Amino acid sequence: MSTAYYGFYFSSSADGSSNDYTVYVELQENGGTVNLALRYKNAEPNPLYEIEMDEDDLALFGQMCINLANTMKAYHGDN
């Protein structure tokens, strides 16, 4: 039997450099938490830059991101 791990990552180079700043969200083996990690793409994980979240924390964080994005859109629409 094989084990599957789920997650996603998002990369950005907003500063115009060749550096890919990446946010990783990786489901942990127990399936009850994820690690949210910030690092350069393809860099080794570093626990100093990781936050462990359960499903409620992750959902709240995601909703906060959506709310901020909507606020940004509304602000840019007024200018």
C-alpha atoms as a PDB file:
ATOM      1  CA  MET A   1       0.000   0.000   0.000  1.00  0.00           C
ATOM      2  CA  SER A   2       1.334   3.431  -0.870  1.00  0.00           C
ATOM      3  CA  THR A   3       1.034   6.659   1.089  1.00  0.00           C
ATOM      4  CA  ALA A   4      -0.063   9.854  -0.619  1.00  0.00           C
ATOM      5  CA  TYR A   5       0.730  13.302   0.727  1.00  0.00           C
ATOM      6  CA  TYR A   6      -1.163  16.390  -0.298  1.00  0.00           C
ATOM      7  CA  GLY A   7      -0.358  20.054  -0.327  1.00  0.00           C
ATOM      8  CA  PHE A   8       0.385  22.918  -2.642  1.00  0.00           C
ATOM      9  CA  TYR A   9       2.840  25.702  -3.186  1.00  0.00           C
ATOM     10  CA  PHE A  10       2.720  29.203  -4.576  1.00  0.00           C
ATOM     11  CA  SER A  11       5.769  30.956  -6.029  1.00  0.00           C
ATOM     12  CA  SER A  12       6.279  34.619  -6.746  1.00  0.00           C
ATOM     13  CA  SER A  13       9.149  36.800  -7.853  1.00  0.00           C
ATOM     14  CA  ALA A  14       7.431  40.124  -7.192  1.00  0.00           C
ATOM     15  CA  ASP A  15      10.734  41.908  -6.671  1.00  0.00           C
ATOM     16  CA  GLY A  16      11.729  41.236 -10.284  1.00  0.00           C
ATOM     17  CA  SER A  17      14.765  39.179  -9.329  1.00  0.00           C
ATOM     18  CA  SER A  18      15.469  35.601 -10.291  1.00  0.00           C
ATOM     19  CA  ASN A  19      14.595  34.443  -6.747  1.00  0.00           C
ATOM     20  CA  ASP A  20      11.402  32.446  -6.441  1.00  0.00           C
ATOM     21  CA  TYR A  21       9.881  33.121  -3.049  1.00  0.00           C
ATOM     22  CA  THR A  22       7.624  30.189  -2.308  1.00  0.00           C
ATOM     23  CA  VAL A  23       4.914  29.385   0.228  1.00  0.00           C
ATOM     24  CA  TYR A  24       4.489  25.664   0.813  1.00  0.00           C
ATOM     25  CA  VAL A  25       1.468  24.051   2.475  1.00  0.00           C
ATOM     26  CA  GLU A  26       2.233  20.417   3.204  1.00  0.00           C
ATOM     27  CA  LEU A  27      -0.160  17.938   4.804  1.00  0.00           C
ATOM     28  CA  GLN A  28       1.557  16.062   7.620  1.00  0.00           C
ATOM     29  CA  GLU A  29       1.605  12.277   7.918  1.00  0.00           C
ATOM     30  CA  ASN A  30      -1.081  12.251  10.616  1.00  0.00           C
ATOM     31  CA  GLY A  31      -3.455  14.059   8.243  1.00  0.00           C
ATOM     32  CA  GLY A  32      -4.617  16.391  11.012  1.00  0.00           C
ATOM     33  CA  THR A  33      -2.213  19.284  10.468  1.00  0.00           C
ATOM     34  CA  VAL A  34      -0.341  21.095   7.732  1.00  0.00           C
ATOM     35  CA  ASN A  35       2.953  22.917   7.807  1.00  0.00           C
ATOM     36  CA  LEU A  36       2.916  26.333   6.197  1.00  0.00           C
ATOM     37  CA  ALA A  37       6.502  27.115   5.188  1.00  0.00           C
ATOM     38  CA  LEU A  38       8.214  30.067   3.532  1.00  0.00           C
ATOM     39  CA  ARG A  39      11.431  29.510   1.604  1.00  0.00           C
ATOM     40  CA  TYR A  40      13.151  29.889  -1.705  1.00  0.00           C
ATOM     41  CA  LYS A  41      11.875  27.391  -4.256  1.00  0.00           C
ATOM     42  CA  ASN A  42      13.783  24.094  -4.056  1.00  0.00           C
ATOM     43  CA  ALA A  43      15.464  25.113  -0.770  1.00  0.00           C
ATOM     44  CA  GLU A  44      15.581  22.593   2.037  1.00  0.00           C
ATOM     45  CA  PRO A  45      12.820  22.932   4.655  1.00  0.00           C
ATOM     46  CA  ASN A  46      13.747  24.936   7.757  1.00  0.00           C
ATOM     47  CA  PRO A  47      11.544  24.534  10.851  1.00  0.00           C
ATOM     48  CA  LEU A  48      12.375  28.114  11.888  1.00  0.00           C
ATOM     49  CA  TYR A  49      10.172  29.303   9.017  1.00  0.00           C
ATOM     50  CA  GLU A  50       7.269  26.888   9.427  1.00  0.00           C
ATOM     51  CA  ILE A  51       3.904  27.185  11.135  1.00  0.00           C
ATOM     52  CA  GLU A  52       1.835  24.116  11.992  1.00  0.00           C
ATOM     53  CA  MET A  53      -1.926  24.545  11.522  1.00  0.00           C
ATOM     54  CA  ASP A  54      -4.939  22.329  12.012  1.00  0.00           C
ATOM     55  CA  GLU A  55      -7.896  22.448   9.636  1.00  0.00           C
ATOM     56  CA  ASP A  56      -9.624  25.264  11.544  1.00  0.00           C
ATOM     57  CA  ASP A  57      -6.480  27.424  11.589  1.00  0.00           C
ATOM     58  CA  LEU A  58      -5.893  26.786   7.882  1.00  0.00           C
ATOM     59  CA  ALA A  59      -9.504  27.665   7.005  1.00  0.00           C
ATOM     60  CA  LEU A  60      -9.310  30.862   9.071  1.00  0.00           C
ATOM     61  CA  PHE A  61      -5.991  31.821   7.466  1.00  0.00           C
ATOM     62  CA  GLY A  62      -7.438  31.171   4.010  1.00  0.00           C
ATOM     63  CA  GLN A  63     -10.497  33.305   4.770  1.00  0.00           C
ATOM     64  CA  MET A  64      -8.252  36.102   6.047  1.00  0.00           C
ATOM     65  CA  CYS A  65      -6.320  35.977   2.752  1.00  0.00           C
ATOM     66  CA  ILE A  66      -9.574  36.186   0.792  1.00  0.00           C
ATOM     67  CA  ASN A  67     -10.812  39.105   2.906  1.00  0.00           C
ATOM     68  CA  LEU A  68      -7.555  41.008   2.432  1.00  0.00           C
ATOM     69  CA  ALA A  69      -7.579  40.359  -1.325  1.00  0.00           C
ATOM     70  CA  ASN A  70     -11.157  41.672  -1.536  1.00  0.00           C
ATOM     71  CA  THR A  71     -10.164  44.783   0.440  1.00  0.00           C
ATOM     72  CA  MET A  72      -7.239  45.358  -1.898  1.00  0.00           C
ATOM     73  CA  LYS A  73      -9.518  45.000  -4.927  1.00  0.00           C
ATOM     74  CA  ALA A  74     -12.014  47.459  -3.453  1.00  0.00           C
ATOM     75  CA  TYR A  75      -9.266  49.948  -2.658  1.00  0.00           C
ATOM     76  CA  HIS A  76      -7.781  49.781  -6.147  1.00  0.00           C
ATOM     77  CA  GLY A  77     -11.248  50.191  -7.627  1.00  0.00           C
ATOM     78  CA  ASP A  78     -11.622  53.552  -5.856  1.00  0.00           C
ATOM     79  CA  ASN A  79      -8.388  55.027  -7.274  1.00  0.00           C
END
